[in-house]
Amino acid sequence: MSNLSVHLKKVRLEHNYTQRQVADGIGIAEQAYQRYEYGRTVPSALVLIALADFFNVSLDYLVGRSDDPTRH
């Protein structure tokens, strides 16, 4: 699994969200979100931004460039 996949699942579970809740929250299909979390596809920059905003974490954290989820 990629860092992105690991971090997506980690923050989703920390917030007690289902995959459907995340997908609905950012306006994508549940299957699309599942593909990101399972590492089958990589989201676009716009989707990455939406995910970071939804989870209130930094983009660097989501993509594995930082271990600190705090937004600066």
PDB file of N, CA and C in Angstrom:
ATOM      1  N   MET A   1       0.837  -1.185   0.000  1.00  0.00           N
ATOM      2  CA  MET A   1       0.000   0.000   0.000  1.00  0.00           C
ATOM      3  C   MET A   1       0.880   1.246   0.000  1.00  0.00           C
ATOM      4  N   SER A   2       0.415   2.263  -0.672  1.00  0.00           N
ATOM      5  CA  SER A   2       1.141   3.526  -0.705  1.00  0.00           C
ATOM      6  C   SER A   2       0.905   4.305   0.584  1.00  0.00           C
ATOM      7  N   ASN A   3       1.750   5.299   0.808  1.00  0.00           N
ATOM      8  CA  ASN A   3       1.553   6.170   1.970  1.00  0.00           C
ATOM      9  C   ASN A   3       0.187   6.821   1.924  1.00  0.00           C
ATOM     10  N   LEU A   4      -0.238   7.226   0.727  1.00  0.00           N
ATOM     11  CA  LEU A   4      -1.550   7.848   0.582  1.00  0.00           C
ATOM     12  C   LEU A   4      -2.639   6.892   1.056  1.00  0.00           C
ATOM     13  N   SER A   5      -2.604   5.671   0.600  1.00  0.00           N
ATOM     14  CA  SER A   5      -3.616   4.684   0.990  1.00  0.00           C
ATOM     15  C   SER A   5      -3.631   4.465   2.496  1.00  0.00           C
ATOM     16  N   VAL A   6      -2.450   4.328   3.071  1.00  0.00           N
ATOM     17  CA  VAL A   6      -2.338   4.104   4.514  1.00  0.00           C
ATOM     18  C   VAL A   6      -2.901   5.294   5.282  1.00  0.00           C
ATOM     19  N   HIS A   7      -2.532   6.499   4.873  1.00  0.00           N
ATOM     20  CA  HIS A   7      -2.992   7.690   5.584  1.00  0.00           C
ATOM     21  C   HIS A   7      -4.480   7.935   5.386  1.00  0.00           C
ATOM     22  N   LEU A   8      -5.002   7.656   4.203  1.00  0.00           N
ATOM     23  CA  LEU A   8      -6.444   7.811   3.998  1.00  0.00           C
ATOM     24  C   LEU A   8      -7.221   6.913   4.951  1.00  0.00           C
ATOM     25  N   LYS A   9      -6.819   5.668   5.019  1.00  0.00           N
ATOM     26  CA  LYS A   9      -7.528   4.742   5.902  1.00  0.00           C
ATOM     27  C   LYS A   9      -7.364   5.151   7.363  1.00  0.00           C
ATOM     28  N   LYS A  10      -6.156   5.558   7.738  1.00  0.00           N
ATOM     29  CA  LYS A  10      -5.893   5.941   9.123  1.00  0.00           C
ATOM     30  C   LYS A  10      -6.766   7.115   9.549  1.00  0.00           C
ATOM     31  N   VAL A  11      -6.794   8.186   8.759  1.00  0.00           N
ATOM     32  CA  VAL A  11      -7.583   9.355   9.173  1.00  0.00           C
ATOM     33  C   VAL A  11      -9.074   9.067   9.100  1.00  0.00           C
ATOM     34  N   ARG A  12      -9.485   8.241   8.147  1.00  0.00           N
ATOM     35  CA  ARG A  12     -10.912   7.891   8.072  1.00  0.00           C
ATOM     36  C   ARG A  12     -11.340   7.157   9.341  1.00  0.00           C
ATOM     37  N   LEU A  13     -10.548   6.188   9.762  1.00  0.00           N
ATOM     38  CA  LEU A  13     -10.883   5.425  10.962  1.00  0.00           C
ATOM     39  C   LEU A  13     -10.783   6.282  12.225  1.00  0.00           C
ATOM     40  N   GLU A  14      -9.816   7.196  12.264  1.00  0.00           N
ATOM     41  CA  GLU A  14      -9.703   8.101  13.417  1.00  0.00           C
ATOM     42  C   GLU A  14     -10.948   8.970  13.581  1.00  0.00           C
ATOM     43  N   HIS A  15     -11.588   9.301  12.454  1.00  0.00           N
ATOM     44  CA  HIS A  15     -12.807  10.115  12.486  1.00  0.00           C
ATOM     45  C   HIS A  15     -14.077   9.259  12.553  1.00  0.00           C
ATOM     46  N   ASN A  16     -13.904   7.947  12.562  1.00  0.00           N
ATOM     47  CA  ASN A  16     -15.040   7.016  12.595  1.00  0.00           C
ATOM     48  C   ASN A  16     -15.995   7.209  11.420  1.00  0.00           C
ATOM     49  N   TYR A  17     -15.431   7.473  10.235  1.00  0.00           N
ATOM     50  CA  TYR A  17     -16.227   7.610   9.021  1.00  0.00           C
ATOM     51  C   TYR A  17     -16.220   6.302   8.245  1.00  0.00           C
ATOM     52  N   THR A  18     -17.303   6.059   7.535  1.00  0.00           N
ATOM     53  CA  THR A  18     -17.317   4.969   6.566  1.00  0.00           C
ATOM     54  C   THR A  18     -16.749   5.504   5.256  1.00  0.00           C
ATOM     55  N   GLN A  19     -16.409   4.597   4.366  1.00  0.00           N
ATOM     56  CA  GLN A  19     -15.941   5.023   3.052  1.00  0.00           C
ATOM     57  C   GLN A  19     -17.032   5.818   2.333  1.00  0.00           C
ATOM     58  N   ARG A  20     -18.268   5.421   2.496  1.00  0.00           N
ATOM     59  CA  ARG A  20     -19.380   6.134   1.862  1.00  0.00           C
ATOM     60  C   ARG A  20     -19.490   7.562   2.397  1.00  0.00           C
ATOM     61  N   GLN A  21     -19.328   7.739   3.700  1.00  0.00           N
ATOM     62  CA  GLN A  21     -19.416   9.080   4.279  1.00  0.00           C
ATOM     63  C   GLN A  21     -18.334   9.999   3.722  1.00  0.00           C
ATOM     64  N   VAL A  22     -17.141   9.479   3.563  1.00  0.00           N
ATOM     65  CA  VAL A  22     -16.061  10.288   2.992  1.00  0.00           C
ATOM     66  C   VAL A  22     -16.383  10.633   1.546  1.00  0.00           C
ATOM     67  N   ALA A  23     -16.767   9.635   0.780  1.00  0.00           N
ATOM     68  CA  ALA A  23     -17.093   9.869  -0.627  1.00  0.00           C
ATOM     69  C   ALA A  23     -18.207  10.899  -0.768  1.00  0.00           C
ATOM     70  N   ASP A  24     -19.271  10.743   0.001  1.00  0.00           N
ATOM     71  CA  ASP A  24     -20.372  11.706  -0.044  1.00  0.00           C
ATOM     72  C   ASP A  24     -19.902  13.092   0.386  1.00  0.00           C
ATOM     73  N   GLY A  25     -19.035  13.137   1.373  1.00  0.00           N
ATOM     74  CA  GLY A  25     -18.554  14.408   1.899  1.00  0.00           C
ATOM     75  C   GLY A  25     -17.746  15.219   0.910  1.00  0.00           C
ATOM     76  N   ILE A  26     -17.077  14.537  -0.020  1.00  0.00           N
ATOM     77  CA  ILE A  26     -16.288  15.278  -1.011  1.00  0.00           C
ATOM     78  C   ILE A  26     -16.893  15.202  -2.414  1.00  0.00           C
ATOM     79  N   GLY A  27     -18.035  14.538  -2.530  1.00  0.00           N
ATOM     80  CA  GLY A  27     -18.759  14.533  -3.798  1.00  0.00           C
ATOM     81  C   GLY A  27     -18.235  13.593  -4.863  1.00  0.00           C
ATOM     82  N   ILE A  28     -17.759  12.420  -4.437  1.00  0.00           N
ATOM     83  CA  ILE A  28     -17.324  11.415  -5.408  1.00  0.00           C
ATOM     84  C   ILE A  28     -18.058  10.108  -5.128  1.00  0.00           C
ATOM     85  N   ALA A  29     -17.943   9.167  -6.054  1.00  0.00           N
ATOM     86  CA  ALA A  29     -18.557   7.851  -5.869  1.00  0.00           C
ATOM     87  C   ALA A  29     -17.785   7.062  -4.810  1.00  0.00           C
ATOM     88  N   GLU A  30     -18.516   6.256  -4.059  1.00  0.00           N
ATOM     89  CA  GLU A  30     -17.877   5.427  -3.034  1.00  0.00           C
ATOM     90  C   GLU A  30     -16.804   4.527  -3.643  1.00  0.00           C
ATOM     91  N   GLN A  31     -17.075   3.979  -4.819  1.00  0.00           N
ATOM     92  CA  GLN A  31     -16.103   3.096  -5.472  1.00  0.00           C
ATOM     93  C   GLN A  31     -14.815   3.844  -5.808  1.00  0.00           C
ATOM     94  N   ALA A  32     -14.936   5.110  -6.182  1.00  0.00           N
ATOM     95  CA  ALA A  32     -13.741   5.910  -6.475  1.00  0.00           C
ATOM     96  C   ALA A  32     -12.903   6.065  -5.216  1.00  0.00           C
ATOM     97  N   TYR A  33     -13.567   6.391  -4.103  1.00  0.00           N
ATOM     98  CA  TYR A  33     -12.820   6.528  -2.848  1.00  0.00           C
ATOM     99  C   TYR A  33     -12.168   5.200  -2.469  1.00  0.00           C
ATOM    100  N   GLN A  34     -12.876   4.103  -2.621  1.00  0.00           N
ATOM    101  CA  GLN A  34     -12.315   2.790  -2.287  1.00  0.00           C
ATOM    102  C   GLN A  34     -11.049   2.522  -3.095  1.00  0.00           C
ATOM    103  N   ARG A  35     -11.054   2.889  -4.372  1.00  0.00           N
ATOM    104  CA  ARG A  35      -9.864   2.674  -5.206  1.00  0.00           C
ATOM    105  C   ARG A  35      -8.673   3.479  -4.679  1.00  0.00           C
ATOM    106  N   TYR A  36      -8.924   4.676  -4.158  1.00  0.00           N
ATOM    107  CA  TYR A  36      -7.837   5.472  -3.570  1.00  0.00           C
ATOM    108  C   TYR A  36      -7.319   4.801  -2.304  1.00  0.00           C
ATOM    109  N   GLU A  37      -8.228   4.380  -1.451  1.00  0.00           N
ATOM    110  CA  GLU A  37      -7.822   3.795  -0.171  1.00  0.00           C
ATOM    111  C   GLU A  37      -7.142   2.441  -0.362  1.00  0.00           C
ATOM    112  N   TYR A  38      -7.515   1.709  -1.390  1.00  0.00           N
ATOM    113  CA  TYR A  38      -6.892   0.411  -1.657  1.00  0.00           C
ATOM    114  C   TYR A  38      -5.640   0.534  -2.522  1.00  0.00           C
ATOM    115  N   GLY A  39      -5.320   1.758  -2.956  1.00  0.00           N
ATOM    116  CA  GLY A  39      -4.119   1.986  -3.749  1.00  0.00           C
ATOM    117  C   GLY A  39      -4.227   1.579  -5.196  1.00  0.00           C
ATOM    118  N   ARG A  40      -5.432   1.438  -5.692  1.00  0.00           N
ATOM    119  CA  ARG A  40      -5.620   1.021  -7.089  1.00  0.00           C
ATOM    120  C   ARG A  40      -5.490   2.181  -8.061  1.00  0.00           C
ATOM    121  N   THR A  41      -5.872   3.374  -7.619  1.00  0.00           N
ATOM    122  CA  THR A  41      -5.723   4.574  -8.442  1.00  0.00           C
ATOM    123  C   THR A  41      -5.279   5.726  -7.554  1.00  0.00           C
ATOM    124  N   VAL A  42      -4.766   6.766  -8.194  1.00  0.00           N
ATOM    125  CA  VAL A  42      -4.308   7.960  -7.486  1.00  0.00           C
ATOM    126  C   VAL A  42      -5.289   9.087  -7.780  1.00  0.00           C
ATOM    127  N   PRO A  43      -5.760   9.773  -6.747  1.00  0.00           N
ATOM    128  CA  PRO A  43      -6.710  10.862  -6.977  1.00  0.00           C
ATOM    129  C   PRO A  43      -6.045  12.061  -7.647  1.00  0.00           C
ATOM    130  N   SER A  44      -6.867  12.846  -8.315  1.00  0.00           N
ATOM    131  CA  SER A  44      -6.387  14.087  -8.921  1.00  0.00           C
ATOM    132  C   SER A  44      -6.006  15.074  -7.825  1.00  0.00           C
ATOM    133  N   ALA A  45      -5.328  16.136  -8.218  1.00  0.00           N
ATOM    134  CA  ALA A  45      -4.948  17.178  -7.257  1.00  0.00           C
ATOM    135  C   ALA A  45      -6.180  17.777  -6.592  1.00  0.00           C
ATOM    136  N   LEU A  46      -7.240  17.984  -7.350  1.00  0.00           N
ATOM    137  CA  LEU A  46      -8.460  18.560  -6.780  1.00  0.00           C
ATOM    138  C   LEU A  46      -9.081  17.639  -5.736  1.00  0.00           C
ATOM    139  N   VAL A  47      -9.070  16.352  -5.994  1.00  0.00           N
ATOM    140  CA  VAL A  47      -9.618  15.392  -5.030  1.00  0.00           C
ATOM    141  C   VAL A  47      -8.715  15.318  -3.799  1.00  0.00           C
ATOM    142  N   LEU A  48      -7.404  15.359  -3.993  1.00  0.00           N
ATOM    143  CA  LEU A  48      -6.492  15.361  -2.845  1.00  0.00           C
ATOM    144  C   LEU A  48      -6.746  16.566  -1.943  1.00  0.00           C
ATOM    145  N   ILE A  49      -6.952  17.728  -2.544  1.00  0.00           N
ATOM    146  CA  ILE A  49      -7.243  18.936  -1.766  1.00  0.00           C
ATOM    147  C   ILE A  49      -8.552  18.765  -1.010  1.00  0.00           C
ATOM    148  N   ALA A  50      -9.563  18.226  -1.688  1.00  0.00           N
ATOM    149  CA  ALA A  50     -10.861  18.007  -1.036  1.00  0.00           C
ATOM    150  C   ALA A  50     -10.725  17.034   0.133  1.00  0.00           C
ATOM    151  N   LEU A  51      -9.934  15.989  -0.037  1.00  0.00           N
ATOM    152  CA  LEU A  51      -9.726  15.023   1.044  1.00  0.00           C
ATOM    153  C   LEU A  51      -8.993  15.662   2.223  1.00  0.00           C
ATOM    154  N   ALA A  52      -7.959  16.434   1.933  1.00  0.00           N
ATOM    155  CA  ALA A  52      -7.225  17.111   3.006  1.00  0.00           C
ATOM    156  C   ALA A  52      -8.141  18.065   3.762  1.00  0.00           C
ATOM    157  N   ASP A  53      -8.970  18.799   3.029  1.00  0.00           N
ATOM    158  CA  ASP A  53      -9.921  19.711   3.675  1.00  0.00           C
ATOM    159  C   ASP A  53     -10.943  18.940   4.503  1.00  0.00           C
ATOM    160  N   PHE A  54     -11.467  17.866   3.949  1.00  0.00           N
ATOM    161  CA  PHE A  54     -12.480  17.067   4.635  1.00  0.00           C
ATOM    162  C   PHE A  54     -11.949  16.524   5.962  1.00  0.00           C
ATOM    163  N   PHE A  55     -10.728  16.009   5.936  1.00  0.00           N
ATOM    164  CA  PHE A  55     -10.134  15.424   7.137  1.00  0.00           C
ATOM    165  C   PHE A  55      -9.387  16.454   7.996  1.00  0.00           C
ATOM    166  N   ASN A  56      -9.249  17.669   7.473  1.00  0.00           N
ATOM    167  CA  ASN A  56      -8.519  18.739   8.165  1.00  0.00           C
ATOM    168  C   ASN A  56      -7.078  18.325   8.470  1.00  0.00           C
ATOM    169  N   VAL A  57      -6.415  17.789   7.447  1.00  0.00           N
ATOM    170  CA  VAL A  57      -5.003  17.423   7.538  1.00  0.00           C
ATOM    171  C   VAL A  57      -4.260  18.083   6.384  1.00  0.00           C
ATOM    172  N   SER A  58      -2.939  18.096   6.467  1.00  0.00           N
ATOM    173  CA  SER A  58      -2.143  18.693   5.396  1.00  0.00           C
ATOM    174  C   SER A  58      -2.043  17.741   4.205  1.00  0.00           C
ATOM    175  N   LEU A  59      -1.851  18.328   3.033  1.00  0.00           N
ATOM    176  CA  LEU A  59      -1.620  17.514   1.837  1.00  0.00           C
ATOM    177  C   LEU A  59      -0.335  16.702   1.989  1.00  0.00           C
ATOM    178  N   ASP A  60       0.684  17.313   2.568  1.00  0.00           N
ATOM    179  CA  ASP A  60       1.943  16.590   2.764  1.00  0.00           C
ATOM    180  C   ASP A  60       1.736  15.322   3.589  1.00  0.00           C
ATOM    181  N   TYR A  61       0.901  15.396   4.600  1.00  0.00           N
ATOM    182  CA  TYR A  61       0.609  14.212   5.409  1.00  0.00           C
ATOM    183  C   TYR A  61      -0.106  13.150   4.573  1.00  0.00           C
ATOM    184  N   LEU A  62      -1.112  13.574   3.831  1.00  0.00           N
ATOM    185  CA  LEU A  62      -1.880  12.595   3.044  1.00  0.00           C
ATOM    186  C   LEU A  62      -1.002  11.821   2.079  1.00  0.00           C
ATOM    187  N   VAL A  63      -0.081  12.517   1.417  1.00  0.00           N
ATOM    188  CA  VAL A  63       0.723  11.847   0.394  1.00  0.00           C
ATOM    189  C   VAL A  63       2.017  11.248   0.936  1.00  0.00           C
ATOM    190  N   GLY A  64       2.224  11.350   2.259  1.00  0.00           N
ATOM    191  CA  GLY A  64       3.372  10.694   2.865  1.00  0.00           C
ATOM    192  C   GLY A  64       4.644  11.509   2.911  1.00  0.00           C
ATOM    193  N   ARG A  65       4.553  12.812   2.672  1.00  0.00           N
ATOM    194  CA  ARG A  65       5.743  13.666   2.739  1.00  0.00           C
ATOM    195  C   ARG A  65       6.001  14.181   4.147  1.00  0.00           C
ATOM    196  N   SER A  66       5.081  13.913   5.067  1.00  0.00           N
ATOM    197  CA  SER A  66       5.217  14.355   6.453  1.00  0.00           C
ATOM    198  C   SER A  66       4.475  13.378   7.358  1.00  0.00           C
ATOM    199  N   ASP A  67       4.981  13.233   8.560  1.00  0.00           N
ATOM    200  CA  ASP A  67       4.284  12.419   9.558  1.00  0.00           C
ATOM    201  C   ASP A  67       3.382  13.272  10.435  1.00  0.00           C
ATOM    202  N   ASP A  68       3.401  14.580  10.202  1.00  0.00           N
ATOM    203  CA  ASP A  68       2.606  15.526  10.989  1.00  0.00           C
ATOM    204  C   ASP A  68       1.347  15.900  10.211  1.00  0.00           C
ATOM    205  N   PRO A  69       0.178  15.496  10.689  1.00  0.00           N
ATOM    206  CA  PRO A  69      -1.052  15.803   9.957  1.00  0.00           C
ATOM    207  C   PRO A  69      -1.516  17.250  10.086  1.00  0.00           C
ATOM    208  N   THR A  70      -0.868  18.028  10.971  1.00  0.00           N
ATOM    209  CA  THR A  70      -1.298  19.398  11.233  1.00  0.00           C
ATOM    210  C   THR A  70      -1.169  20.268   9.991  1.00  0.00           C
ATOM    211  N   ARG A  71      -2.209  21.044   9.746  1.00  0.00           N
ATOM    212  CA  ARG A  71      -2.173  21.999   8.639  1.00  0.00           C
ATOM    213  C   ARG A  71      -1.463  23.258   9.102  1.00  0.00           C
ATOM    214  N   HIS A  72      -0.612  23.808   8.247  1.00  0.00           N
ATOM    215  CA  HIS A  72       0.130  25.032   8.603  1.00  0.00           C
ATOM    216  C   HIS A  72      -0.298  26.176   7.721  1.00  0.00           C
TER     217      HIS A  72
END
